[in-house]
Amino acid sequence: MNVASVLDHHPATSSAIVSRGVTTSYGELQAQIGAMRGALDGLGVGKGDRVALLCGNTIEFVVAYFACLGRGIVCVPLNPTAPAPELQRELSVVGARAVVIAPSAVAGWSGVDRSALGHLAHVIATTQDLDGALQFRDLLQHEPAPVVDMQPNDLAIMLFTSGTAGSPKAAMLSHGNLQSNLDQLAQVRRLDHTDVVFGVLPLFHIFGLNVVLAYSLMRGASLVLIERFDPMTAIETIRDRKVTLIPGAPPLWMAFEQMPTLPKDSFASVRIALTGASKMPEHTTRALFERYGLLVTEGYGLTECAPVVTTTTNVEKTTALTKIGSIGRVLPGVEVRLVDESGENALRGDAGEI
């Protein structure tokens, strides 16, 4: 198995990714990913090596990510706007052998001491000239390399998460971890080639990476990548692209709530609106439902679970407001136990926070 295989079996001409206004079909995406697999192979980057992605929500991220997975390389998405000391520490912790850098990461990267990263052999620039860097577009001219077979327990990605205490740590997720959550989502969230997904959640977070990116492409949907969120531009994109699914953290929905003069049909094409990552204010959910008939449902997850644990589905609009604040039901195959600080089962009504 290999989680990169989620891209297989879709019509070559169907829209896969819209990035910077340019549409890339599934056939074109597969060709670019195959070429990047070949390029990484030619650079001597192979199974078990770490490749860091310092990219925003762009087509280059998508190509590099699936190319790494396809060759058994461990992908390490990092925040491209992180300051240099943070990047220095994280690149050192994971032992990155190669790094892919987008323009948004240049400021932070310029302060990184490469001489202290003895494991780093290759720097790849996506669209900009960078001293000593390989050009991403040149690597796409390579002959393709095949997808390698992986075991479910083989490491696929490392994602830094703040956890509950101390400095951020790199959560390690296997091919099996990622694929299991995708298969669980497929049982509760219907998505197909007619759907258009709004890709504003950052791909260096697990929600954006496995739910927005991987699940959308697994189901053959079209994913519109948003590099920088602007509320009015977002509304125009949702309308013009006829977006059907919007996953977003509460600040996105709160921004829309603060635009009371929007036309009532602004979200007419949207059939699924999701939120997670933090608690959604009840007044925001109510306002969006009352103004636009848009029901934003909540779920719960964490990086280590790849990430979805619970989600809210099949809510009738006639009873929608009774579900405000609910994080839904656990996914098929998931068990949840609430415990107190001593590890004992929590009782209904006990005070606490998940």
Protein backbone atom coordinates (compact mmCIF):
# COMPACT_ATOMS: atom_id res chain seq x y z
CA MET A 1 0.00 0.00 0.00
CA ASN A 2 0.96 3.64 -0.35
CA VAL A 3 -1.26 6.55 0.65
CA ALA A 4 -0.12 8.39 -2.50
CA SER A 5 -2.30 5.95 -4.43
CA VAL A 6 -5.39 7.94 -3.43
CA LEU A 7 -4.82 9.85 -6.69
CA ASP A 8 -5.33 6.77 -8.85
CA HIS A 9 -8.38 5.89 -10.93
CA HIS A 10 -9.74 9.37 -11.66
CA PRO A 11 -10.46 10.62 -15.21
CA ALA A 12 -7.31 12.28 -16.55
CA THR A 13 -9.19 15.33 -17.80
CA SER A 14 -11.07 16.05 -14.56
CA SER A 15 -10.05 19.11 -12.56
CA ALA A 16 -7.86 18.23 -9.59
CA ILE A 17 -6.23 21.46 -8.37
CA VAL A 18 -6.88 25.15 -8.94
CA SER A 19 -3.84 27.15 -7.83
CA ARG A 20 -3.27 30.85 -8.58
CA GLY A 21 -6.18 30.68 -11.00
CA VAL A 22 -4.66 27.84 -13.05
CA THR A 23 -6.44 24.50 -13.24
CA THR A 24 -4.42 21.28 -13.19
CA SER A 25 -6.19 18.10 -14.25
CA TYR A 26 -5.72 14.73 -12.57
CA GLY A 27 -3.70 13.55 -15.57
CA GLU A 28 -1.42 16.58 -15.45
CA LEU A 29 -1.04 16.28 -11.70
CA GLN A 30 -0.08 12.62 -11.92
CA ALA A 31 2.51 13.44 -14.61
CA GLN A 32 4.10 16.19 -12.49
CA ILE A 33 4.16 14.01 -9.38
CA GLY A 34 5.74 11.15 -11.33
CA ALA A 35 8.43 13.47 -12.68
CA MET A 36 9.15 14.80 -9.20
CA ARG A 37 9.46 11.24 -7.91
CA GLY A 38 12.07 10.69 -10.62
CA ALA A 39 13.87 13.91 -9.74
CA LEU A 40 14.09 13.03 -6.06
CA ASP A 41 15.34 9.59 -7.00
CA GLY A 42 18.01 11.17 -9.19
CA LEU A 43 19.11 13.38 -6.31
CA GLY A 44 19.64 10.33 -4.16
CA VAL A 45 16.72 11.13 -1.86
CA GLY A 46 14.94 7.89 -1.09
CA LYS A 47 12.93 5.78 1.29
CA GLY A 48 13.19 6.96 4.88
CA ASP A 49 14.86 10.28 4.05
CA ARG A 50 13.17 13.46 5.27
CA VAL A 51 12.10 16.24 2.91
CA ALA A 52 10.79 19.48 4.42
CA LEU A 53 8.18 21.56 2.60
CA LEU A 54 8.25 25.29 3.30
CA CYS A 55 5.35 26.10 1.03
CA GLY A 56 1.93 27.66 1.28
CA ASN A 57 -1.22 26.29 -0.31
CA THR A 58 0.17 25.87 -3.81
CA ILE A 59 0.38 23.31 -6.59
CA GLU A 60 4.08 22.89 -5.81
CA PHE A 61 3.22 21.71 -2.29
CA VAL A 62 0.79 19.14 -3.69
CA VAL A 63 3.28 17.79 -6.23
CA ALA A 64 6.15 17.59 -3.75
CA TYR A 65 3.99 16.03 -1.04
CA PHE A 66 2.63 13.17 -3.11
CA ALA A 67 5.99 12.63 -4.81
CA CYS A 68 7.63 12.16 -1.42
CA LEU A 69 4.96 9.75 -0.22
CA GLY A 70 5.12 7.84 -3.47
CA ARG A 71 8.85 7.14 -3.07
CA GLY A 72 8.64 6.27 0.62
CA ILE A 73 10.23 9.57 1.62
CA VAL A 74 9.09 11.06 4.92
CA CYS A 75 7.45 14.42 4.22
CA VAL A 76 7.76 17.21 6.79
CA PRO A 77 5.45 20.16 6.06
CA LEU A 78 6.53 23.28 7.96
CA ASN A 79 5.02 26.72 8.40
CA PRO A 80 6.63 28.76 5.59
CA THR A 81 6.24 32.01 7.54
CA ALA A 82 7.91 30.70 10.69
CA PRO A 83 10.90 32.72 11.97
CA ALA A 84 14.41 31.49 11.29
CA PRO A 85 15.12 30.10 14.80
CA GLU A 86 11.99 27.94 14.62
CA LEU A 87 12.88 26.64 11.15
CA GLN A 88 16.46 26.00 12.27
CA ARG A 89 15.31 23.91 15.20
CA GLU A 90 12.70 21.94 13.27
CA LEU A 91 14.96 21.18 10.31
CA SER A 92 17.61 20.00 12.75
CA VAL A 93 15.17 17.83 14.72
CA VAL A 94 13.87 15.97 11.66
CA GLY A 95 17.23 15.75 9.89
CA ALA A 96 15.89 17.05 6.57
CA ARG A 97 17.92 15.88 3.57
CA ALA A 98 16.14 18.26 1.19
CA VAL A 99 13.92 21.31 1.53
CA VAL A 100 11.41 22.83 -0.88
CA ILE A 101 11.09 26.59 -0.46
CA ALA A 102 8.32 28.88 -1.71
CA PRO A 103 8.58 32.70 -1.87
CA SER A 104 6.61 33.02 1.38
CA ALA A 105 9.41 31.16 3.19
CA VAL A 106 12.38 33.13 1.87
CA ALA A 107 12.42 35.62 4.76
CA GLY A 108 12.67 32.89 7.38
CA TRP A 109 15.00 30.72 5.32
CA SER A 110 17.45 33.59 4.84
CA GLY A 111 18.16 33.49 8.57
CA VAL A 112 18.79 29.74 8.72
CA ASP A 113 22.39 28.62 9.23
CA ARG A 114 22.82 25.90 6.61
CA SER A 115 26.26 25.01 7.89
CA ALA A 116 24.62 23.73 11.08
CA LEU A 117 22.38 21.40 9.05
CA GLY A 118 24.95 18.84 8.01
CA HIS A 119 22.28 16.42 6.79
CA LEU A 120 20.81 18.93 4.31
CA ALA A 121 21.96 18.13 0.77
CA HIS A 122 19.46 19.87 -1.54
CA VAL A 123 17.50 23.12 -1.60
CA ILE A 124 14.69 23.40 -4.16
CA ALA A 125 13.07 26.76 -4.98
CA THR A 126 9.51 26.69 -6.32
CA THR A 127 9.15 29.91 -8.32
CA GLN A 128 11.96 32.24 -7.27
CA ASP A 129 15.71 32.44 -7.78
CA LEU A 130 17.58 31.40 -4.65
CA ASP A 131 21.34 31.15 -4.43
CA GLY A 132 22.50 27.58 -4.87
CA ALA A 133 18.97 26.21 -5.18
CA LEU A 134 17.60 23.80 -7.74
CA GLN A 135 14.57 25.00 -9.66
CA PHE A 136 11.32 23.13 -9.07
CA ARG A 137 10.22 23.59 -12.69
CA ASP A 138 13.46 22.02 -13.97
CA LEU A 139 12.91 18.93 -11.84
CA LEU A 140 9.55 18.39 -13.51
CA GLN A 141 11.42 17.48 -16.72
CA HIS A 142 12.72 14.21 -15.24
CA GLU A 143 11.58 10.79 -16.30
CA PRO A 144 9.02 9.44 -13.82
CA ALA A 145 9.83 6.95 -11.10
CA PRO A 146 7.26 4.42 -9.88
CA VAL A 147 5.35 4.46 -6.61
CA VAL A 148 6.95 2.10 -4.09
CA ASP A 149 5.01 -0.33 -1.96
CA MET A 150 4.92 0.55 1.73
CA GLN A 151 3.82 -1.22 4.87
CA PRO A 152 0.99 0.36 6.91
CA ASN A 153 3.41 1.07 9.78
CA ASP A 154 5.99 2.79 7.56
CA LEU A 155 6.47 6.46 8.44
CA ALA A 156 4.82 8.88 6.00
CA ILE A 157 4.88 12.35 7.56
CA MET A 158 6.13 14.32 10.54
CA LEU A 159 4.08 17.31 11.69
CA PHE A 160 5.04 19.66 14.48
CA THR A 161 2.34 20.09 17.09
CA SER A 162 2.39 22.11 20.28
CA GLY A 163 0.79 19.34 22.30
CA THR A 164 -0.19 20.17 25.87
CA ALA A 165 3.17 21.13 27.36
CA GLY A 166 6.72 22.04 26.44
CA SER A 167 8.13 22.93 23.05
CA PRO A 168 6.49 21.70 19.80
CA LYS A 169 7.12 18.05 18.99
CA ALA A 170 7.05 16.23 15.67
CA ALA A 171 4.11 13.83 15.56
CA MET A 172 4.94 10.79 13.43
CA LEU A 173 2.16 9.40 11.24
CA SER A 174 2.39 6.29 9.10
CA HIS A 175 0.87 5.47 5.74
CA GLY A 176 -1.64 3.33 7.61
CA ASN A 177 -2.56 6.19 9.97
CA LEU A 178 -3.33 8.54 7.10
CA GLN A 179 -5.17 5.97 4.99
CA SER A 180 -7.29 4.73 7.91
CA ASN A 181 -8.66 8.19 8.60
CA LEU A 182 -9.39 8.72 4.91
CA ASP A 183 -11.28 5.42 4.77
CA GLN A 184 -13.22 6.33 7.92
CA LEU A 185 -14.18 9.71 6.46
CA ALA A 186 -15.41 7.99 3.30
CA GLN A 187 -18.02 6.19 5.40
CA VAL A 188 -19.56 9.38 6.78
CA ARG A 189 -18.80 12.20 4.30
CA ARG A 190 -20.05 11.79 0.74
CA LEU A 191 -17.76 13.53 -1.74
CA ASP A 192 -17.31 12.93 -5.47
CA HIS A 193 -16.09 14.40 -8.77
CA THR A 194 -18.90 16.97 -8.81
CA ASP A 195 -17.65 18.64 -5.63
CA VAL A 196 -15.49 21.74 -5.44
CA VAL A 197 -13.57 22.16 -2.17
CA PHE A 198 -12.39 25.48 -0.73
CA GLY A 199 -8.77 24.89 0.30
CA VAL A 200 -7.97 27.68 2.72
CA LEU A 201 -6.81 25.60 5.69
CA PRO A 202 -2.99 25.51 5.74
CA LEU A 203 -1.56 22.34 4.24
CA PHE A 204 1.19 22.22 6.87
CA HIS A 205 -1.54 21.39 9.43
CA ILE A 206 -3.07 17.91 9.52
CA PHE A 207 -6.65 19.16 8.96
CA GLY A 208 -5.63 20.81 5.71
CA LEU A 209 -3.21 18.07 4.74
CA ASN A 210 -5.26 14.89 5.17
CA VAL A 211 -8.88 16.07 5.21
CA VAL A 212 -8.81 18.94 2.72
CA LEU A 213 -6.04 17.81 0.37
CA ALA A 214 -5.86 14.02 0.49
CA TYR A 215 -9.55 13.29 1.04
CA SER A 216 -10.66 15.70 -1.71
CA LEU A 217 -8.29 14.09 -4.22
CA MET A 218 -9.10 10.58 -3.04
CA ARG A 219 -12.75 11.25 -3.91
CA GLY A 220 -12.01 12.88 -7.26
CA ALA A 221 -13.15 16.37 -6.26
CA SER A 222 -11.65 19.65 -7.46
CA LEU A 223 -9.64 21.53 -4.82
CA VAL A 224 -9.32 25.32 -5.03
CA LEU A 225 -6.18 26.30 -3.11
CA ILE A 226 -6.19 29.63 -1.28
CA GLU A 227 -2.76 31.03 -0.42
CA ARG A 228 -3.94 34.06 1.54
CA PHE A 229 -7.37 34.55 3.05
CA ASP A 230 -9.28 37.72 2.28
CA PRO A 231 -12.99 37.57 3.20
CA MET A 232 -14.39 39.41 0.18
CA THR A 233 -12.12 37.62 -2.30
CA ALA A 234 -13.11 34.36 -0.65
CA ILE A 235 -16.82 35.08 -1.16
CA GLU A 236 -16.16 35.84 -4.83
CA THR A 237 -14.22 32.59 -5.23
CA ILE A 238 -16.96 30.57 -3.52
CA ARG A 239 -19.55 32.05 -5.85
CA ASP A 240 -17.53 31.97 -9.09
CA ARG A 241 -16.13 28.45 -8.57
CA LYS A 242 -19.46 27.15 -7.22
CA VAL A 243 -17.77 25.74 -4.14
CA THR A 244 -19.69 22.90 -2.50
CA LEU A 245 -17.53 22.15 0.57
CA ILE A 246 -15.89 24.64 2.92
CA PRO A 247 -13.73 23.31 5.77
CA GLY A 248 -12.54 26.19 7.91
CA ALA A 249 -11.35 27.06 11.40
CA PRO A 250 -13.61 29.36 13.47
CA PRO A 251 -11.79 32.60 12.48
CA LEU A 252 -12.88 32.07 8.86
CA TRP A 253 -16.54 31.75 9.84
CA MET A 254 -16.25 34.66 12.24
CA ALA A 255 -14.92 36.81 9.40
CA PHE A 256 -17.96 35.91 7.30
CA GLU A 257 -20.25 36.67 10.26
CA GLN A 258 -18.81 40.19 10.36
CA MET A 259 -19.99 40.85 6.78
CA PRO A 260 -23.74 41.37 7.35
CA THR A 261 -24.37 43.00 3.98
CA LEU A 262 -23.46 39.94 1.91
CA PRO A 263 -26.15 38.77 -0.54
CA LYS A 264 -28.30 36.04 0.96
CA ASP A 265 -27.28 33.64 -1.82
CA SER A 266 -23.54 34.02 -1.13
CA PHE A 267 -23.28 30.37 -0.06
CA ALA A 268 -25.97 28.98 -2.35
CA SER A 269 -23.67 26.32 -3.85
CA VAL A 270 -22.31 25.13 -0.50
CA ARG A 271 -23.74 21.84 0.76
CA ILE A 272 -21.18 21.05 3.49
CA ALA A 273 -19.61 23.57 5.88
CA LEU A 274 -17.24 22.26 8.54
CA THR A 275 -15.23 23.67 11.38
CA GLY A 276 -12.70 22.39 13.86
CA ALA A 277 -9.29 23.18 15.41
CA SER A 278 -10.94 25.22 18.20
CA LYS A 279 -14.36 25.93 19.67
CA MET A 280 -16.84 27.65 17.33
CA PRO A 281 -18.72 30.56 18.95
CA GLU A 282 -22.43 29.75 19.10
CA HIS A 283 -23.42 33.23 17.97
CA THR A 284 -21.39 32.74 14.78
CA THR A 285 -23.13 29.47 13.96
CA ARG A 286 -26.54 31.01 14.59
CA ALA A 287 -25.84 34.13 12.55
CA LEU A 288 -24.66 32.20 9.49
CA PHE A 289 -27.62 29.85 9.66
CA GLU A 290 -30.19 32.60 10.10
CA ARG A 291 -28.78 34.84 7.36
CA TYR A 292 -27.84 32.30 4.71
CA GLY A 293 -29.30 28.96 5.76
CA LEU A 294 -25.69 27.78 6.05
CA LEU A 295 -25.22 25.17 8.76
CA VAL A 296 -21.62 24.97 9.95
CA THR A 297 -21.08 21.69 11.80
CA GLU A 298 -18.27 20.94 14.23
CA GLY A 299 -15.93 18.03 14.71
CA TYR A 300 -13.01 17.12 16.92
CA GLY A 301 -9.59 15.77 16.10
CA LEU A 302 -5.91 15.96 16.81
CA THR A 303 -2.73 15.66 14.80
CA GLU A 304 -1.86 12.27 16.23
CA CYS A 305 -5.17 10.81 14.98
CA ALA A 306 -4.63 12.02 11.39
CA PRO A 307 -6.82 13.96 12.51
CA VAL A 308 -10.60 13.33 12.68
CA VAL A 309 -12.02 11.64 15.77
CA THR A 310 -15.62 12.89 15.73
CA THR A 311 -17.79 14.71 13.22
CA THR A 312 -21.37 15.93 12.92
CA THR A 313 -23.36 14.57 9.98
CA ASN A 314 -26.93 14.17 8.73
CA VAL A 315 -28.34 17.18 10.57
CA GLU A 316 -31.75 18.28 9.33
CA LYS A 317 -32.13 22.03 8.96
CA THR A 318 -35.38 21.92 10.90
CA THR A 319 -33.48 20.81 14.01
CA ALA A 320 -30.10 22.35 13.16
CA LEU A 321 -29.96 24.87 15.98
CA THR A 322 -30.38 22.13 18.57
CA LYS A 323 -26.99 20.71 17.48
CA ILE A 324 -25.00 23.89 18.04
CA GLY A 325 -21.94 23.11 20.15
CA SER A 326 -21.98 19.40 19.41
CA ILE A 327 -18.83 17.81 18.00
CA GLY A 328 -20.86 14.90 16.67
CA ARG A 329 -20.22 11.18 16.84
CA VAL A 330 -17.01 9.20 16.69
CA LEU A 331 -15.93 7.87 13.31
CA PRO A 332 -16.45 4.19 12.51
CA GLY A 333 -13.75 2.12 14.20
CA VAL A 334 -12.85 4.82 16.73
CA GLU A 335 -13.26 4.46 20.50
CA VAL A 336 -13.19 7.46 22.83
CA ARG A 337 -12.81 7.44 26.61
CA LEU A 338 -12.92 10.59 28.73
CA VAL A 339 -10.75 10.48 31.82
CA ASP A 340 -9.81 12.87 34.59
CA GLU A 341 -6.29 13.96 35.50
CA SER A 342 -5.69 10.73 37.38
CA GLY A 343 -6.74 8.57 34.45
CA GLU A 344 -10.10 7.55 35.95
CA ASN A 345 -13.26 7.67 33.84
CA ALA A 346 -14.92 11.08 33.87
CA LEU A 347 -18.58 11.14 34.82
CA ARG A 348 -21.37 12.88 32.93
CA GLY A 349 -21.60 16.44 34.17
CA ASP A 350 -18.02 16.64 35.43
CA ALA A 351 -16.26 19.92 34.66
CA GLY A 352 -13.41 19.62 32.19
CA GLU A 353 -11.99 20.43 28.80
CA ILE A 354 -10.89 18.15 25.97
